Amino acid sequence: MAEDLYREIVRVREAGEPAALATIIGAHGSTPGKESMKLLVRADGTFLGTVGGGCLEADVYEAALDVLRTERPRRLVFRLNERDYPDSGLYCGGTLEIYVEPLTDPTLTLVGGGHVSRAIASVAREAGFRVVVADDREAFANRERFPEAAEVVCAPWPEVAARLGRAEFAYVVVVTRGHHDDAAVLEALWRGGARPKYLGMIGSRAKWAILSRRLRAAGVPEDWLARVRTPMGLSIGARTHGEIAVSVAAELVLLRRTGTLALPAPLPPRAREPEAAEEPPREAAAPSLAPSPPPAAGTRPSPVD
């Protein structure tokens, strides 16, 4: 079983399939699970391995699904007693510490292999995304053009959309060669049931007004159209391919790390501390020219330093 688990860990990492791994990192007292036991939870809800079974494992399973959604690791502590689990029959009294972590980098699929995609692929890979590039032209979908990509797909748009499936944990950017292909990709994604975590399309608001009318006429509902981020990328005044890539990658990181596309409000300016009143410089007293009085009788003069 352990050997099969490790093989599956390698497989999902190589395939870029979203998965979370729960590992017992501490076991104190009497516990059903022992240190280093693991539970692998895949994006489709299937799992492999165990951390001890029972209601504890059900809680770990739910935590792993949450880690899949948020891409944030979690550390769980379970005290196995009747008070914390009154209906479980757990009376062992031990404590388990479990670490749950995302197992794979998030996948960014670039639909279209032009100049903007080349720039985004490079920056996004540096930002920790697993990059997949798809185009329906072999000249634009090849390893020489995208050496940093984990996968390069040359296929018609409906096939590309079918490969993505629901893509609920994926980031998708549509950057084809024109309005017609952009609309074809978006319609194919909708028909394929895609609900990606991020769906961006390059273009202006005027372009989106034209495409959205066409997609509505094809039956695409408003709630799905609202998913499309266009213009995509953070507003930094980007003009060149490289600048556009930076703005798009920054938006992807913003969503990945904060769970929202809203930029945090700037911190208010710090109030200035009241300045202490400065004392006027003190002038040295002028030396006295008057002669010193003679020492009193019976005393000795002080030594001179």
Protein backbone atom coordinates (compact mmCIF):
# COMPACT_ATOMS: atom_id res chain seq x y z
CA MET A 1 0.00 0.00 0.00
CA ALA A 2 2.77 2.45 0.94
CA GLU A 3 4.59 1.75 -2.33
CA ASP A 4 1.39 2.34 -4.31
CA LEU A 5 0.83 5.61 -2.44
CA TYR A 6 4.28 6.93 -3.29
CA ARG A 7 3.85 5.92 -6.92
CA GLU A 8 0.58 7.84 -7.02
CA ILE A 9 2.19 10.90 -5.42
CA VAL A 10 4.81 10.90 -8.20
CA ARG A 11 2.15 10.37 -10.87
CA VAL A 12 -0.12 13.24 -9.80
CA ARG A 13 2.85 15.58 -9.48
CA GLU A 14 4.11 14.72 -12.96
CA ALA A 15 0.60 15.04 -14.43
CA GLY A 16 -0.07 18.28 -12.58
CA GLU A 17 -3.32 16.90 -11.16
CA PRO A 18 -4.53 18.88 -8.13
CA ALA A 19 -4.11 16.86 -4.94
CA ALA A 20 -3.48 17.36 -1.24
CA LEU A 21 -1.37 15.19 1.04
CA ALA A 22 -2.07 14.73 4.77
CA THR A 23 0.81 13.38 6.86
CA ILE A 24 0.84 12.51 10.56
CA ILE A 25 3.77 14.51 11.94
CA GLY A 26 3.18 13.79 15.62
CA ALA A 27 1.50 11.01 17.56
CA HIS A 28 1.43 11.20 21.37
CA GLY A 29 -0.13 8.61 23.62
CA SER A 30 -2.55 6.01 22.34
CA THR A 31 -3.70 6.88 18.79
CA PRO A 32 -5.15 4.94 15.83
CA GLY A 33 -2.68 6.55 13.43
CA LYS A 34 1.10 6.54 13.69
CA GLU A 35 3.73 9.04 12.60
CA SER A 36 4.42 9.28 8.83
CA MET A 37 1.08 7.69 7.84
CA LYS A 38 -0.37 9.54 4.83
CA LEU A 39 -3.67 10.24 3.11
CA LEU A 40 -3.65 11.48 -0.50
CA VAL A 41 -6.83 13.28 -1.61
CA ARG A 42 -7.34 14.00 -5.32
CA ALA A 43 -9.39 16.82 -6.86
CA ASP A 44 -12.12 14.40 -7.98
CA GLY A 45 -12.69 13.36 -4.37
CA THR A 46 -10.99 9.98 -4.56
CA PHE A 47 -8.25 9.18 -2.05
CA LEU A 48 -5.49 6.74 -1.23
CA GLY A 49 -3.85 5.84 2.08
CA THR A 50 -5.02 6.47 5.64
CA VAL A 51 -4.31 8.49 8.77
CA GLY A 52 -6.10 6.08 11.08
CA GLY A 53 -9.67 5.88 9.84
CA GLY A 54 -12.92 6.80 11.55
CA CYS A 55 -14.35 10.26 12.10
CA LEU A 56 -10.85 11.69 12.47
CA GLU A 57 -10.03 10.67 8.93
CA ALA A 58 -13.29 12.21 7.70
CA ASP A 59 -12.22 15.54 9.24
CA VAL A 60 -8.78 15.27 7.62
CA TYR A 61 -10.42 14.47 4.28
CA GLU A 62 -12.55 17.65 4.48
CA ALA A 63 -9.49 19.69 5.45
CA ALA A 64 -7.63 18.31 2.42
CA LEU A 65 -10.44 19.43 0.11
CA ASP A 66 -10.21 22.89 1.67
CA VAL A 67 -6.45 22.93 1.08
CA LEU A 68 -7.13 22.03 -2.56
CA ARG A 69 -9.44 25.04 -2.90
CA THR A 70 -7.28 27.57 -1.05
CA GLU A 71 -3.79 26.23 -1.90
CA ARG A 72 -2.83 26.97 1.71
CA PRO A 73 -1.36 24.25 3.94
CA ARG A 74 -2.95 23.50 7.31
CA ARG A 75 -1.74 21.97 10.56
CA LEU A 76 -4.39 20.01 12.47
CA VAL A 77 -4.32 18.82 16.07
CA PHE A 78 -6.74 16.12 17.29
CA ARG A 79 -7.18 15.22 20.95
CA LEU A 80 -8.80 11.82 20.92
CA ASN A 81 -11.16 11.84 23.87
CA GLU A 82 -14.86 11.51 24.56
CA ARG A 83 -15.27 15.23 25.14
CA ASP A 84 -13.97 16.33 21.72
CA TYR A 85 -15.55 13.36 19.86
CA PRO A 86 -18.58 12.39 21.98
CA ASP A 87 -20.19 10.18 19.31
CA SER A 88 -17.06 8.51 18.01
CA GLY A 89 -16.22 6.01 20.69
CA LEU A 90 -12.67 7.40 20.85
CA TYR A 91 -11.38 6.92 24.37
CA CYS A 92 -7.70 6.42 23.60
CA GLY A 93 -6.76 9.82 24.99
CA GLY A 94 -3.86 10.43 22.63
CA THR A 95 -3.05 13.44 20.44
CA LEU A 96 -2.37 13.50 16.70
CA GLU A 97 -0.75 16.30 14.73
CA ILE A 98 -1.39 16.23 10.99
CA TYR A 99 0.06 18.47 8.28
CA VAL A 100 -2.02 18.90 5.11
CA GLU A 101 -0.33 20.45 2.07
CA PRO A 102 -1.02 21.07 -1.62
CA LEU A 103 0.89 18.47 -3.58
CA THR A 104 1.13 20.15 -6.99
CA ASP A 105 1.70 23.60 -8.41
CA PRO A 106 -1.45 25.22 -9.82
CA THR A 107 -1.85 24.80 -13.57
CA LEU A 108 -2.12 27.81 -15.87
CA THR A 109 -3.43 26.91 -19.33
CA LEU A 110 -2.67 29.45 -22.04
CA VAL A 111 -5.11 28.99 -24.91
CA GLY A 112 -3.22 30.50 -27.82
CA GLY A 113 0.50 30.40 -28.51
CA GLY A 114 1.32 33.92 -29.71
CA HIS A 115 3.79 36.51 -28.44
CA VAL A 116 1.78 37.41 -25.34
CA SER A 117 1.54 33.74 -24.36
CA ARG A 118 5.28 33.33 -24.67
CA ALA A 119 5.84 36.22 -22.29
CA ILE A 120 3.17 35.07 -19.81
CA ALA A 121 4.49 31.49 -19.86
CA SER A 122 7.95 32.64 -18.82
CA VAL A 123 6.82 34.95 -16.00
CA ALA A 124 4.13 32.59 -14.70
CA ARG A 125 6.57 29.68 -14.50
CA GLU A 126 8.91 31.82 -12.41
CA ALA A 127 5.93 32.67 -10.19
CA GLY A 128 5.34 28.99 -9.42
CA PHE A 129 2.66 27.98 -11.93
CA ARG A 130 2.70 24.80 -13.97
CA VAL A 131 2.22 26.09 -17.53
CA VAL A 132 0.28 24.33 -20.29
CA VAL A 133 0.07 25.92 -23.74
CA ALA A 134 -2.54 25.02 -26.38
CA ASP A 135 -2.97 26.21 -29.95
CA ASP A 136 -4.57 24.78 -33.07
CA ARG A 137 -1.45 25.53 -35.15
CA GLU A 138 1.65 23.39 -34.83
CA ALA A 139 3.90 26.34 -35.62
CA PHE A 140 2.67 28.02 -32.41
CA ALA A 141 2.35 24.93 -30.21
CA ASN A 142 5.76 23.28 -29.96
CA ARG A 143 8.54 22.69 -27.46
CA GLU A 144 10.99 25.00 -29.16
CA ARG A 145 8.62 27.92 -28.70
CA PHE A 146 7.65 27.07 -25.10
CA PRO A 147 10.59 25.27 -23.44
CA GLU A 148 9.35 26.15 -19.93
CA ALA A 149 5.89 24.63 -20.43
CA ALA A 150 5.05 21.36 -18.69
CA GLU A 151 2.82 20.44 -21.62
CA VAL A 152 2.20 21.76 -25.13
CA VAL A 153 -1.02 20.78 -26.92
CA CYS A 154 -1.78 21.17 -30.61
CA ALA A 155 -5.49 20.51 -31.14
CA PRO A 156 -8.74 22.16 -32.31
CA TRP A 157 -10.37 24.46 -29.76
CA PRO A 158 -13.24 22.08 -28.84
CA GLU A 159 -10.68 19.38 -28.08
CA VAL A 160 -8.64 21.79 -25.97
CA ALA A 161 -11.78 22.66 -23.98
CA ALA A 162 -12.63 18.98 -23.57
CA ARG A 163 -9.15 18.29 -22.16
CA LEU A 164 -9.68 21.01 -19.57
CA GLY A 165 -12.99 19.59 -18.35
CA ARG A 166 -14.35 21.45 -15.33
CA ALA A 167 -10.90 22.86 -14.50
CA GLU A 168 -12.22 24.09 -11.17
CA PHE A 169 -8.74 24.34 -9.64
CA ALA A 170 -7.08 25.67 -12.80
CA TYR A 171 -6.21 29.09 -14.17
CA VAL A 172 -7.11 29.67 -17.82
CA VAL A 173 -6.02 32.57 -20.03
CA VAL A 174 -7.48 32.99 -23.53
CA VAL A 175 -5.02 34.71 -25.88
CA THR A 176 -5.81 33.46 -29.37
CA ARG A 177 -5.12 35.25 -32.64
CA GLY A 178 -8.45 37.06 -32.96
CA HIS A 179 -12.01 37.75 -31.82
CA HIS A 180 -13.48 34.79 -33.70
CA ASP A 181 -11.18 32.26 -32.03
CA ASP A 182 -11.57 33.85 -28.59
CA ALA A 183 -15.34 33.47 -28.85
CA ALA A 184 -15.01 29.89 -30.11
CA VAL A 185 -12.79 28.98 -27.14
CA LEU A 186 -15.09 30.57 -24.57
CA GLU A 187 -18.17 28.89 -26.03
CA ALA A 188 -16.38 25.52 -26.08
CA LEU A 189 -15.31 25.98 -22.45
CA TRP A 190 -18.89 26.74 -21.42
CA ARG A 191 -20.30 23.78 -23.34
CA GLY A 192 -17.68 21.55 -21.73
CA GLY A 193 -18.77 22.58 -18.24
CA ALA A 194 -15.57 24.47 -17.41
CA ARG A 195 -15.64 26.47 -14.18
CA PRO A 196 -12.00 27.50 -13.79
CA LYS A 197 -10.70 29.25 -10.72
CA TYR A 198 -9.51 32.07 -13.01
CA LEU A 199 -10.68 32.77 -16.56
CA GLY A 200 -9.04 35.73 -18.26
CA MET A 201 -9.14 37.01 -21.82
CA ILE A 202 -6.92 39.60 -23.43
CA GLY A 203 -8.73 42.54 -24.95
CA SER A 204 -10.53 45.79 -24.33
CA ARG A 205 -13.98 46.44 -22.89
CA ALA A 206 -15.17 47.27 -26.41
CA LYS A 207 -13.99 43.86 -27.63
CA TRP A 208 -15.77 42.16 -24.74
CA ALA A 209 -19.01 43.99 -25.50
CA ILE A 210 -18.97 42.48 -29.01
CA LEU A 211 -17.96 38.98 -27.90
CA SER A 212 -20.38 38.81 -24.98
CA ARG A 213 -23.31 39.64 -27.28
CA ARG A 214 -22.28 36.80 -29.57
CA LEU A 215 -21.92 34.40 -26.65
CA ARG A 216 -25.32 35.35 -25.22
CA ALA A 217 -26.86 34.63 -28.62
CA ALA A 218 -25.22 31.19 -28.48
CA GLY A 219 -26.92 30.53 -25.14
CA VAL A 220 -24.10 31.26 -22.70
CA PRO A 221 -25.72 32.45 -19.44
CA GLU A 222 -24.86 35.69 -17.68
CA ASP A 223 -23.44 34.04 -14.56
CA TRP A 224 -20.88 32.18 -16.69
CA LEU A 225 -19.99 35.31 -18.67
CA ALA A 226 -19.41 37.11 -15.37
CA ARG A 227 -16.51 34.71 -14.75
CA VAL A 228 -14.51 36.13 -17.65
CA ARG A 229 -11.87 38.60 -16.47
CA THR A 230 -11.36 41.11 -19.26
CA PRO A 231 -9.37 43.26 -19.57
CA MET A 232 -7.21 40.88 -17.58
CA GLY A 233 -4.20 41.72 -15.45
CA LEU A 234 -3.59 44.36 -12.84
CA SER A 235 -3.89 47.92 -14.07
CA ILE A 236 -0.26 49.03 -14.25
CA GLY A 237 -0.32 50.79 -17.61
CA ALA A 238 1.19 47.75 -19.37
CA ARG A 239 1.91 48.12 -23.11
CA THR A 240 4.63 45.68 -24.15
CA HIS A 241 4.30 41.89 -24.15
CA GLY A 242 6.58 41.67 -21.14
CA GLU A 243 4.65 44.29 -19.20
CA ILE A 244 1.35 42.56 -19.99
CA ALA A 245 2.86 39.30 -18.77
CA VAL A 246 3.87 40.92 -15.48
CA SER A 247 0.39 42.39 -14.95
CA VAL A 248 -1.35 39.06 -15.70
CA ALA A 249 1.03 37.02 -13.54
CA ALA A 250 0.56 39.51 -10.69
CA GLU A 251 -3.21 39.06 -10.91
CA LEU A 252 -2.84 35.28 -10.84
CA VAL A 253 -0.62 35.48 -7.77
CA LEU A 254 -3.08 37.88 -6.10
CA LEU A 255 -5.91 35.38 -6.53
CA ARG A 256 -3.78 32.42 -5.53
CA ARG A 257 -2.41 33.95 -2.35
CA THR A 258 -5.39 36.02 -1.16
CA GLY A 259 -8.38 34.23 -2.67
CA THR A 260 -9.68 37.43 -4.23
CA LEU A 261 -8.98 39.70 -7.20
CA ALA A 262 -9.49 42.81 -5.10
CA LEU A 263 -6.32 44.61 -4.18
CA PRO A 264 -5.95 45.25 -0.46
CA ALA A 265 -6.69 48.80 0.66
CA PRO A 266 -3.55 50.86 1.12
CA LEU A 267 -2.48 51.35 4.69
CA PRO A 268 -3.35 54.79 6.09
CA PRO A 269 -0.41 57.14 6.43
CA ARG A 270 1.23 56.96 9.81
CA ALA A 271 0.49 59.89 12.05
CA ARG A 272 3.54 62.02 12.66
CA GLU A 273 4.87 61.84 16.15
CA PRO A 274 4.76 65.28 17.82
CA GLU A 275 8.22 66.70 17.69
CA ALA A 276 9.82 67.50 21.01
CA ALA A 277 10.39 71.19 21.58
CA GLU A 278 14.00 71.96 20.94
CA GLU A 279 15.89 73.61 23.75
CA PRO A 280 17.92 76.65 22.76
CA PRO A 281 21.62 75.91 22.82
CA ARG A 282 23.20 76.77 26.09
CA GLU A 283 26.08 79.25 26.03
CA ALA A 284 29.12 78.40 28.09
CA ALA A 285 29.44 80.70 31.11
CA ALA A 286 32.24 83.21 30.76
CA PRO A 287 35.10 82.42 33.10
CA SER A 288 35.14 84.61 36.20
CA LEU A 289 38.13 86.90 36.50
CA ALA A 290 37.57 87.55 40.20
CA PRO A 291 40.16 86.00 42.47
CA SER A 292 39.12 82.89 44.38
CA PRO A 293 38.61 83.36 48.12
CA PRO A 294 41.33 81.91 50.32
CA PRO A 295 40.61 78.50 51.87
CA ALA A 296 39.07 78.46 55.32
CA ALA A 297 41.33 77.95 58.24
CA GLY A 298 42.18 74.36 58.97
CA THR A 299 41.32 73.10 55.45
CA ARG A 300 43.50 72.05 52.54
CA PRO A 301 42.92 73.24 48.98
CA SER A 302 41.44 70.61 46.58
CA PRO A 303 43.87 69.02 44.13
CA VAL A 304 43.75 70.23 40.56
CA ASP A 305 42.66 67.61 37.92
